Amino acid sequence: MLFALLLVPFAIILPVNAVSTAVMIASLILILIVELLNSAIEWVIDYIRPEQHPLAKRIKDMASAAVFLSYVNCVAIWVILLWPENSVWRRLIGN
């Protein structure tokens, strides 16, 4: 959550267009959503089955992997949008 609180104002003041700002903020909000879902899944698993079970561990691991992938997604979006002069896009277009 601290990650999002620090980066949302930064995304707003960056000199990028409105669509890029919206995409960067959306990637941060996605992290918060996935974190909330992960917490809900863990609480439900602990409530339904307080004892250890291999499937419960696997479900929790999958939810944690989703959180990790949301962070990777956010980093990828920010790197692509803030790449110096967006040279990545020039290479893709061929200019």
PDB file of N, CA and C in Angstrom:
ATOM      1  N   MET A   1       0.819  -1.183   0.000  1.00  0.00           N
ATOM      2  CA  MET A   1       0.000   0.000   0.000  1.00  0.00           C
ATOM      3  C   MET A   1       0.870   1.256   0.000  1.00  0.00           C
ATOM      4  N   LEU A   2       1.970   1.191   0.712  1.00  0.00           N
ATOM      5  CA  LEU A   2       2.906   2.309   0.733  1.00  0.00           C
ATOM      6  C   LEU A   2       3.440   2.581  -0.669  1.00  0.00           C
ATOM      7  N   PHE A   3       3.650   1.491  -1.409  1.00  0.00           N
ATOM      8  CA  PHE A   3       4.108   1.572  -2.799  1.00  0.00           C
ATOM      9  C   PHE A   3       3.174   2.457  -3.617  1.00  0.00           C
ATOM     10  N   ALA A   4       1.870   2.213  -3.492  1.00  0.00           N
ATOM     11  CA  ALA A   4       0.878   2.981  -4.251  1.00  0.00           C
ATOM     12  C   ALA A   4       0.786   4.419  -3.739  1.00  0.00           C
ATOM     13  N   LEU A   5       0.835   4.595  -2.437  1.00  0.00           N
ATOM     14  CA  LEU A   5       0.737   5.942  -1.877  1.00  0.00           C
ATOM     15  C   LEU A   5       1.894   6.834  -2.314  1.00  0.00           C
ATOM     16  N   LEU A   6       3.051   6.257  -2.500  1.00  0.00           N
ATOM     17  CA  LEU A   6       4.200   7.033  -2.935  1.00  0.00           C
ATOM     18  C   LEU A   6       4.195   7.298  -4.437  1.00  0.00           C
ATOM     19  N   LEU A   7       3.732   6.329  -5.212  1.00  0.00           N
ATOM     20  CA  LEU A   7       3.847   6.449  -6.663  1.00  0.00           C
ATOM     21  C   LEU A   7       2.676   7.144  -7.354  1.00  0.00           C
ATOM     22  N   VAL A   8       1.496   7.178  -6.752  1.00  0.00           N
ATOM     23  CA  VAL A   8       0.362   7.858  -7.396  1.00  0.00           C
ATOM     24  C   VAL A   8       0.644   9.353  -7.562  1.00  0.00           C
ATOM     25  N   PRO A   9       1.082  10.059  -6.512  1.00  0.00           N
ATOM     26  CA  PRO A   9       1.411  11.476  -6.739  1.00  0.00           C
ATOM     27  C   PRO A   9       2.540  11.662  -7.752  1.00  0.00           C
ATOM     28  N   PHE A  10       3.507  10.756  -7.726  1.00  0.00           N
ATOM     29  CA  PHE A  10       4.614  10.813  -8.679  1.00  0.00           C
ATOM     30  C   PHE A  10       4.104  10.643 -10.105  1.00  0.00           C
ATOM     31  N   ALA A  11       3.151   9.730 -10.307  1.00  0.00           N
ATOM     32  CA  ALA A  11       2.579   9.514 -11.642  1.00  0.00           C
ATOM     33  C   ALA A  11       1.820  10.745 -12.120  1.00  0.00           C
ATOM     34  N   ILE A  12       1.196  11.447 -11.197  1.00  0.00           N
ATOM     35  CA  ILE A  12       0.410  12.626 -11.570  1.00  0.00           C
ATOM     36  C   ILE A  12       1.309  13.781 -12.002  1.00  0.00           C
ATOM     37  N   ILE A  13       2.452  13.943 -11.336  1.00  0.00           N
ATOM     38  CA  ILE A  13       3.303  15.096 -11.662  1.00  0.00           C
ATOM     39  C   ILE A  13       4.293  14.823 -12.790  1.00  0.00           C
ATOM     40  N   LEU A  14       4.401  13.577 -13.230  1.00  0.00           N
ATOM     41  CA  LEU A  14       5.317  13.271 -14.325  1.00  0.00           C
ATOM     42  C   LEU A  14       4.851  13.922 -15.625  1.00  0.00           C
ATOM     43  N   PRO A  15       5.795  14.343 -16.468  1.00  0.00           N
ATOM     44  CA  PRO A  15       5.411  14.980 -17.736  1.00  0.00           C
ATOM     45  C   PRO A  15       5.076  13.957 -18.823  1.00  0.00           C
ATOM     46  N   VAL A  16       4.029  13.176 -18.592  1.00  0.00           N
ATOM     47  CA  VAL A  16       3.553  12.217 -19.596  1.00  0.00           C
ATOM     48  C   VAL A  16       2.101  12.554 -19.901  1.00  0.00           C
ATOM     49  N   ASN A  17       1.581  12.000 -20.988  1.00  0.00           N
ATOM     50  CA  ASN A  17       0.203  12.322 -21.353  1.00  0.00           C
ATOM     51  C   ASN A  17      -0.787  11.664 -20.385  1.00  0.00           C
ATOM     52  N   ALA A  18      -2.048  12.045 -20.507  1.00  0.00           N
ATOM     53  CA  ALA A  18      -3.072  11.595 -19.571  1.00  0.00           C
ATOM     54  C   ALA A  18      -3.295  10.085 -19.626  1.00  0.00           C
ATOM     55  N   VAL A  19      -3.200   9.517 -20.804  1.00  0.00           N
ATOM     56  CA  VAL A  19      -3.401   8.065 -20.932  1.00  0.00           C
ATOM     57  C   VAL A  19      -2.290   7.305 -20.204  1.00  0.00           C
ATOM     58  N   SER A  20      -1.065   7.761 -20.361  1.00  0.00           N
ATOM     59  CA  SER A  20       0.050   7.111 -19.670  1.00  0.00           C
ATOM     60  C   SER A  20      -0.097   7.229 -18.163  1.00  0.00           C
ATOM     61  N   THR A  21      -0.514   8.389 -17.699  1.00  0.00           N
ATOM     62  CA  THR A  21      -0.746   8.573 -16.267  1.00  0.00           C
ATOM     63  C   THR A  21      -1.832   7.631 -15.775  1.00  0.00           C
ATOM     64  N   ALA A  22      -2.915   7.523 -16.534  1.00  0.00           N
ATOM     65  CA  ALA A  22      -4.015   6.636 -16.143  1.00  0.00           C
ATOM     66  C   ALA A  22      -3.565   5.180 -16.105  1.00  0.00           C
ATOM     67  N   VAL A  23      -2.770   4.755 -17.063  1.00  0.00           N
ATOM     68  CA  VAL A  23      -2.284   3.372 -17.097  1.00  0.00           C
ATOM     69  C   VAL A  23      -1.353   3.107 -15.912  1.00  0.00           C
ATOM     70  N   MET A  24      -0.500   4.072 -15.590  1.00  0.00           N
ATOM     71  CA  MET A  24       0.415   3.885 -14.459  1.00  0.00           C
ATOM     72  C   MET A  24      -0.357   3.800 -13.150  1.00  0.00           C
ATOM     73  N   ILE A  25      -1.360   4.651 -12.975  1.00  0.00           N
ATOM     74  CA  ILE A  25      -2.165   4.604 -11.752  1.00  0.00           C
ATOM     75  C   ILE A  25      -3.001   3.324 -11.716  1.00  0.00           C
ATOM     76  N   ALA A  26      -3.528   2.905 -12.850  1.00  0.00           N
ATOM     77  CA  ALA A  26      -4.311   1.661 -12.908  1.00  0.00           C
ATOM     78  C   ALA A  26      -3.462   0.456 -12.524  1.00  0.00           C
ATOM     79  N   SER A  27      -2.191   0.449 -12.924  1.00  0.00           N
ATOM     80  CA  SER A  27      -1.324  -0.674 -12.546  1.00  0.00           C
ATOM     81  C   SER A  27      -1.090  -0.694 -11.036  1.00  0.00           C
ATOM     82  N   LEU A  28      -1.047   0.472 -10.419  1.00  0.00           N
ATOM     83  CA  LEU A  28      -0.906   0.541  -8.960  1.00  0.00           C
ATOM     84  C   LEU A  28      -2.183   0.085  -8.259  1.00  0.00           C
ATOM     85  N   ILE A  29      -3.325   0.476  -8.795  1.00  0.00           N
ATOM     86  CA  ILE A  29      -4.597   0.054  -8.209  1.00  0.00           C
ATOM     87  C   ILE A  29      -4.782  -1.445  -8.365  1.00  0.00           C
ATOM     88  N   LEU A  30      -4.305  -2.003  -9.473  1.00  0.00           N
ATOM     89  CA  LEU A  30      -4.377  -3.457  -9.663  1.00  0.00           C
ATOM     90  C   LEU A  30      -3.629  -4.189  -8.553  1.00  0.00           C
ATOM     91  N   ILE A  31      -2.492  -3.657  -8.138  1.00  0.00           N
ATOM     92  CA  ILE A  31      -1.742  -4.269  -7.034  1.00  0.00           C
ATOM     93  C   ILE A  31      -2.597  -4.297  -5.781  1.00  0.00           C
ATOM     94  N   LEU A  32      -3.259  -3.191  -5.477  1.00  0.00           N
ATOM     95  CA  LEU A  32      -4.099  -3.133  -4.276  1.00  0.00           C
ATOM     96  C   LEU A  32      -5.256  -4.130  -4.350  1.00  0.00           C
ATOM     97  N   ILE A  33      -5.862  -4.243  -5.526  1.00  0.00           N
ATOM     98  CA  ILE A  33      -6.976  -5.187  -5.702  1.00  0.00           C
ATOM     99  C   ILE A  33      -6.506  -6.618  -5.488  1.00  0.00           C
ATOM    100  N   VAL A  34      -5.387  -6.976  -6.104  1.00  0.00           N
ATOM    101  CA  VAL A  34      -4.879  -8.352  -5.984  1.00  0.00           C
ATOM    102  C   VAL A  34      -4.443  -8.636  -4.544  1.00  0.00           C
ATOM    103  N   GLU A  35      -3.865  -7.644  -3.871  1.00  0.00           N
ATOM    104  CA  GLU A  35      -3.499  -7.816  -2.459  1.00  0.00           C
ATOM    105  C   GLU A  35      -4.741  -8.087  -1.608  1.00  0.00           C
ATOM    106  N   LEU A  36      -5.815  -7.346  -1.868  1.00  0.00           N
ATOM    107  CA  LEU A  36      -7.055  -7.567  -1.119  1.00  0.00           C
ATOM    108  C   LEU A  36      -7.628  -8.960  -1.380  1.00  0.00           C
ATOM    109  N   LEU A  37      -7.608  -9.376  -2.640  1.00  0.00           N
ATOM    110  CA  LEU A  37      -8.092 -10.725  -2.964  1.00  0.00           C
ATOM    111  C   LEU A  37      -7.227 -11.801  -2.306  1.00  0.00           C
ATOM    112  N   ASN A  38      -5.920 -11.588  -2.300  1.00  0.00           N
ATOM    113  CA  ASN A  38      -5.010 -12.528  -1.654  1.00  0.00           C
ATOM    114  C   ASN A  38      -5.329 -12.636  -0.164  1.00  0.00           C
ATOM    115  N   SER A  39      -5.532 -11.505   0.485  1.00  0.00           N
ATOM    116  CA  SER A  39      -5.863 -11.523   1.919  1.00  0.00           C
ATOM    117  C   SER A  39      -7.188 -12.228   2.163  1.00  0.00           C
ATOM    118  N   ALA A  40      -8.174 -11.960   1.313  1.00  0.00           N
ATOM    119  CA  ALA A  40      -9.473 -12.617   1.467  1.00  0.00           C
ATOM    120  C   ALA A  40      -9.359 -14.125   1.293  1.00  0.00           C
ATOM    121  N   ILE A  41      -8.602 -14.559   0.309  1.00  0.00           N
ATOM    122  CA  ILE A  41      -8.418 -15.999   0.089  1.00  0.00           C
ATOM    123  C   ILE A  41      -7.738 -16.634   1.295  1.00  0.00           C
ATOM    124  N   GLU A  42      -6.708 -15.995   1.817  1.00  0.00           N
ATOM    125  CA  GLU A  42      -6.012 -16.554   2.976  1.00  0.00           C
ATOM    126  C   GLU A  42      -6.927 -16.631   4.196  1.00  0.00           C
ATOM    127  N   TRP A  43      -7.728 -15.588   4.424  1.00  0.00           N
ATOM    128  CA  TRP A  43      -8.643 -15.606   5.563  1.00  0.00           C
ATOM    129  C   TRP A  43      -9.693 -16.708   5.410  1.00  0.00           C
ATOM    130  N   VAL A  44     -10.232 -16.878   4.218  1.00  0.00           N
ATOM    131  CA  VAL A  44     -11.248 -17.920   3.998  1.00  0.00           C
ATOM    132  C   VAL A  44     -10.646 -19.302   4.197  1.00  0.00           C
ATOM    133  N   ILE A  45      -9.457 -19.532   3.670  1.00  0.00           N
ATOM    134  CA  ILE A  45      -8.809 -20.840   3.833  1.00  0.00           C
ATOM    135  C   ILE A  45      -8.554 -21.116   5.313  1.00  0.00           C
ATOM    136  N   ASP A  46      -8.067 -20.108   6.042  1.00  0.00           N
ATOM    137  CA  ASP A  46      -7.802 -20.299   7.469  1.00  0.00           C
ATOM    138  C   ASP A  46      -9.092 -20.525   8.254  1.00  0.00           C
ATOM    139  N   TYR A  47     -10.182 -19.896   7.826  1.00  0.00           N
ATOM    140  CA  TYR A  47     -11.459 -20.056   8.518  1.00  0.00           C
ATOM    141  C   TYR A  47     -12.066 -21.434   8.257  1.00  0.00           C
ATOM    142  N   ILE A  48     -12.035 -21.853   6.996  1.00  0.00           N
ATOM    143  CA  ILE A  48     -12.645 -23.132   6.623  1.00  0.00           C
ATOM    144  C   ILE A  48     -11.830 -24.307   7.142  1.00  0.00           C
ATOM    145  N   ARG A  49     -10.515 -24.223   7.032  1.00  0.00           N
ATOM    146  CA  ARG A  49      -9.661 -25.342   7.396  1.00  0.00           C
ATOM    147  C   ARG A  49      -8.479 -24.820   8.201  1.00  0.00           C
ATOM    148  N   PRO A  50      -8.633 -24.700   9.543  1.00  0.00           N
ATOM    149  CA  PRO A  50      -7.534 -24.174  10.360  1.00  0.00           C
ATOM    150  C   PRO A  50      -6.318 -25.106  10.432  1.00  0.00           C
ATOM    151  N   GLU A  51      -6.522 -26.409  10.228  1.00  0.00           N
ATOM    152  CA  GLU A  51      -5.375 -27.323  10.256  1.00  0.00           C
ATOM    153  C   GLU A  51      -4.642 -27.283   8.918  1.00  0.00           C
ATOM    154  N   GLN A  52      -3.417 -27.766   8.927  1.00  0.00           N
ATOM    155  CA  GLN A  52      -2.585 -27.757   7.727  1.00  0.00           C
ATOM    156  C   GLN A  52      -3.132 -28.735   6.684  1.00  0.00           C
ATOM    157  N   HIS A  53      -3.117 -28.310   5.443  1.00  0.00           N
ATOM    158  CA  HIS A  53      -3.532 -29.181   4.343  1.00  0.00           C
ATOM    159  C   HIS A  53      -2.732 -28.769   3.111  1.00  0.00           C
ATOM    160  N   PRO A  54      -2.241 -29.749   2.330  1.00  0.00           N
ATOM    161  CA  PRO A  54      -1.422 -29.401   1.171  1.00  0.00           C
ATOM    162  C   PRO A  54      -2.152 -28.547   0.120  1.00  0.00           C
ATOM    163  N   LEU A  55      -3.451 -28.795  -0.071  1.00  0.00           N
ATOM    164  CA  LEU A  55      -4.193 -27.997  -1.048  1.00  0.00           C
ATOM    165  C   LEU A  55      -4.387 -26.557  -0.570  1.00  0.00           C
ATOM    166  N   ALA A  56      -4.567 -26.391   0.735  1.00  0.00           N
ATOM    167  CA  ALA A  56      -4.698 -25.036   1.279  1.00  0.00           C
ATOM    168  C   ALA A  56      -3.400 -24.263   1.056  1.00  0.00           C
ATOM    169  N   LYS A  57      -2.286 -24.927   1.249  1.00  0.00           N
ATOM    170  CA  LYS A  57      -0.992 -24.275   1.011  1.00  0.00           C
ATOM    171  C   LYS A  57      -0.837 -23.905  -0.456  1.00  0.00           C
ATOM    172  N   ARG A  58      -1.267 -24.792  -1.323  1.00  0.00           N
ATOM    173  CA  ARG A  58      -1.148 -24.529  -2.766  1.00  0.00           C
ATOM    174  C   ARG A  58      -2.021 -23.344  -3.184  1.00  0.00           C
ATOM    175  N   ILE A  59      -3.221 -23.256  -2.629  1.00  0.00           N
ATOM    176  CA  ILE A  59      -4.117 -22.134  -2.940  1.00  0.00           C
ATOM    177  C   ILE A  59      -3.490 -20.825  -2.482  1.00  0.00           C
ATOM    178  N   LYS A  60      -2.934 -20.817  -1.289  1.00  0.00           N
ATOM    179  CA  LYS A  60      -2.287 -19.603  -0.775  1.00  0.00           C
ATOM    180  C   LYS A  60      -1.069 -19.226  -1.613  1.00  0.00           C
ATOM    181  N   ASP A  61      -0.317 -20.223  -2.039  1.00  0.00           N
ATOM    182  CA  ASP A  61       0.843 -19.952  -2.894  1.00  0.00           C
ATOM    183  C   ASP A  61       0.425 -19.346  -4.237  1.00  0.00           C
ATOM    184  N   MET A  62      -0.670 -19.843  -4.801  1.00  0.00           N
ATOM    185  CA  MET A  62      -1.164 -19.298  -6.065  1.00  0.00           C
ATOM    186  C   MET A  62      -1.629 -17.855  -5.890  1.00  0.00           C
ATOM    187  N   ALA A  63      -2.285 -17.559  -4.787  1.00  0.00           N
ATOM    188  CA  ALA A  63      -2.723 -16.185  -4.536  1.00  0.00           C
ATOM    189  C   ALA A  63      -1.519 -15.262  -4.360  1.00  0.00           C
ATOM    190  N   SER A  64      -0.485 -15.747  -3.689  1.00  0.00           N
ATOM    191  CA  SER A  64       0.736 -14.951  -3.534  1.00  0.00           C
ATOM    192  C   SER A  64       1.434 -14.746  -4.872  1.00  0.00           C
ATOM    193  N   ALA A  65       1.392 -15.747  -5.732  1.00  0.00           N
ATOM    194  CA  ALA A  65       1.980 -15.613  -7.067  1.00  0.00           C
ATOM    195  C   ALA A  65       1.232 -14.548  -7.876  1.00  0.00           C
ATOM    196  N   ALA A  66      -0.075 -14.456  -7.694  1.00  0.00           N
ATOM    197  CA  ALA A  66      -0.845 -13.418  -8.385  1.00  0.00           C
ATOM    198  C   ALA A  66      -0.410 -12.027  -7.927  1.00  0.00           C
ATOM    199  N   VAL A  67      -0.127 -11.888  -6.643  1.00  0.00           N
ATOM    200  CA  VAL A  67       0.367 -10.608  -6.129  1.00  0.00           C
ATOM    201  C   VAL A  67       1.720 -10.287  -6.761  1.00  0.00           C
ATOM    202  N   PHE A  68       2.594 -11.277  -6.816  1.00  0.00           N
ATOM    203  CA  PHE A  68       3.906 -11.070  -7.423  1.00  0.00           C
ATOM    204  C   PHE A  68       3.772 -10.641  -8.884  1.00  0.00           C
ATOM    205  N   LEU A  69       2.890 -11.307  -9.630  1.00  0.00           N
ATOM    206  CA  LEU A  69       2.697 -10.961 -11.036  1.00  0.00           C
ATOM    207  C   LEU A  69       2.118  -9.558 -11.204  1.00  0.00           C
ATOM    208  N   SER A  70       1.294  -9.112 -10.263  1.00  0.00           N
ATOM    209  CA  SER A  70       0.778  -7.747 -10.357  1.00  0.00           C
ATOM    210  C   SER A  70       1.895  -6.733 -10.140  1.00  0.00           C
ATOM    211  N   TYR A  71       2.852  -7.048  -9.273  1.00  0.00           N
ATOM    212  CA  TYR A  71       4.017  -6.168  -9.106  1.00  0.00           C
ATOM    213  C   TYR A  71       4.891  -6.168 -10.359  1.00  0.00           C
ATOM    214  N   VAL A  72       5.104  -7.329 -10.950  1.00  0.00           N
ATOM    215  CA  VAL A  72       5.886  -7.410 -12.188  1.00  0.00           C
ATOM    216  C   VAL A  72       5.203  -6.608 -13.289  1.00  0.00           C
ATOM    217  N   ASN A  73       3.888  -6.725 -13.386  1.00  0.00           N
ATOM    218  CA  ASN A  73       3.116  -5.966 -14.363  1.00  0.00           C
ATOM    219  C   ASN A  73       3.307  -4.466 -14.153  1.00  0.00           C
ATOM    220  N   CYS A  74       3.238  -4.022 -12.917  1.00  0.00           N
ATOM    221  CA  CYS A  74       3.397  -2.603 -12.614  1.00  0.00           C
ATOM    222  C   CYS A  74       4.787  -2.102 -12.988  1.00  0.00           C
ATOM    223  N   VAL A  75       5.801  -2.851 -12.638  1.00  0.00           N
ATOM    224  CA  VAL A  75       7.175  -2.452 -12.969  1.00  0.00           C
ATOM    225  C   VAL A  75       7.353  -2.398 -14.481  1.00  0.00           C
ATOM    226  N   ALA A  76       6.824  -3.386 -15.191  1.00  0.00           N
ATOM    227  CA  ALA A  76       6.955  -3.404 -16.652  1.00  0.00           C
ATOM    228  C   ALA A  76       6.271  -2.192 -17.279  1.00  0.00           C
ATOM    229  N   ILE A  77       5.085  -1.862 -16.820  1.00  0.00           N
ATOM    230  CA  ILE A  77       4.361  -0.704 -17.357  1.00  0.00           C
ATOM    231  C   ILE A  77       5.134   0.581 -17.110  1.00  0.00           C
ATOM    232  N   TRP A  78       5.614   0.752 -15.882  1.00  0.00           N
ATOM    233  CA  TRP A  78       6.333   1.989 -15.556  1.00  0.00           C
ATOM    234  C   TRP A  78       7.635   2.091 -16.344  1.00  0.00           C
ATOM    235  N   VAL A  79       8.343   0.981 -16.504  1.00  0.00           N
ATOM    236  CA  VAL A  79       9.600   1.019 -17.258  1.00  0.00           C
ATOM    237  C   VAL A  79       9.335   1.350 -18.727  1.00  0.00           C
ATOM    238  N   ILE A  80       8.329   0.731 -19.310  1.00  0.00           N
ATOM    239  CA  ILE A  80       8.022   0.992 -20.717  1.00  0.00           C
ATOM    240  C   ILE A  80       7.592   2.443 -20.930  1.00  0.00           C
ATOM    241  N   LEU A  81       6.747   2.962 -20.046  1.00  0.00           N
ATOM    242  CA  LEU A  81       6.254   4.328 -20.228  1.00  0.00           C
ATOM    243  C   LEU A  81       7.289   5.393 -19.892  1.00  0.00           C
ATOM    244  N   LEU A  82       8.235   5.065 -19.016  1.00  0.00           N
ATOM    245  CA  LEU A  82       9.224   6.064 -18.617  1.00  0.00           C
ATOM    246  C   LEU A  82      10.588   5.836 -19.255  1.00  0.00           C
ATOM    247  N   TRP A  83      10.661   4.929 -20.183  1.00  0.00           N
ATOM    248  CA  TRP A  83      11.922   4.677 -20.877  1.00  0.00           C
ATOM    249  C   TRP A  83      12.385   5.974 -21.535  1.00  0.00           C
ATOM    250  N   PRO A  84      13.666   6.285 -21.479  1.00  0.00           N
ATOM    251  CA  PRO A  84      14.123   7.564 -22.048  1.00  0.00           C
ATOM    252  C   PRO A  84      13.699   7.721 -23.504  1.00  0.00           C
ATOM    253  N   GLU A  85      12.898   8.735 -23.722  1.00  0.00           N
ATOM    254  CA  GLU A  85      12.393   9.099 -25.048  1.00  0.00           C
ATOM    255  C   GLU A  85      11.604   7.968 -25.706  1.00  0.00           C
ATOM    256  N   ASN A  86      11.130   7.045 -24.923  1.00  0.00           N
ATOM    257  CA  ASN A  86      10.350   5.913 -25.444  1.00  0.00           C
ATOM    258  C   ASN A  86      11.028   5.249 -26.635  1.00  0.00           C
ATOM    259  N   SER A  87      12.320   5.037 -26.528  1.00  0.00           N
ATOM    260  CA  SER A  87      13.067   4.415 -27.625  1.00  0.00           C
ATOM    261  C   SER A  87      12.609   2.986 -27.892  1.00  0.00           C
ATOM    262  N   VAL A  88      11.968   2.377 -26.906  1.00  0.00           N
ATOM    263  CA  VAL A  88      11.432   1.029 -27.118  1.00  0.00           C
ATOM    264  C   VAL A  88      10.401   1.074 -28.239  1.00  0.00           C
ATOM    265  N   TRP A  89       9.539   2.090 -28.223  1.00  0.00           N
ATOM    266  CA  TRP A  89       8.510   2.186 -29.243  1.00  0.00           C
ATOM    267  C   TRP A  89       9.105   2.504 -30.603  1.00  0.00           C
ATOM    268  N   ARG A  90      10.170   3.291 -30.638  1.00  0.00           N
ATOM    269  CA  ARG A  90      10.816   3.577 -31.926  1.00  0.00           C
ATOM    270  C   ARG A  90      11.365   2.310 -32.542  1.00  0.00           C
ATOM    271  N   ARG A  91      11.948   1.451 -31.699  1.00  0.00           N
ATOM    272  CA  ARG A  91      12.483   0.189 -32.226  1.00  0.00           C
ATOM    273  C   ARG A  91      11.372  -0.709 -32.742  1.00  0.00           C
ATOM    274  N   LEU A  92      10.249  -0.718 -32.069  1.00  0.00           N
ATOM    275  CA  LEU A  92       9.145  -1.568 -32.497  1.00  0.00           C
ATOM    276  C   LEU A  92       8.535  -1.082 -33.816  1.00  0.00           C
ATOM    277  N   ILE A  93       8.442   0.234 -33.970  1.00  0.00           N
ATOM    278  CA  ILE A  93       7.860   0.808 -35.186  1.00  0.00           C
ATOM    279  C   ILE A  93       8.851   0.736 -36.345  1.00  0.00           C
ATOM    280  N   GLY A  94      10.133   0.869 -36.028  1.00  0.00           N
ATOM    281  CA  GLY A  94      11.147   0.785 -37.058  1.00  0.00           C
ATOM    282  C   GLY A  94      11.694   2.122 -37.495  1.00  0.00           C
ATOM    283  N   ASN A  95      11.451   3.179 -36.733  1.00  0.00           N
ATOM    284  CA  ASN A  95      11.992   4.509 -37.087  1.00  0.00           C
ATOM    285  C   ASN A  95      13.397   4.693 -36.611  1.00  0.00           C
TER     286      ASN A  95
END
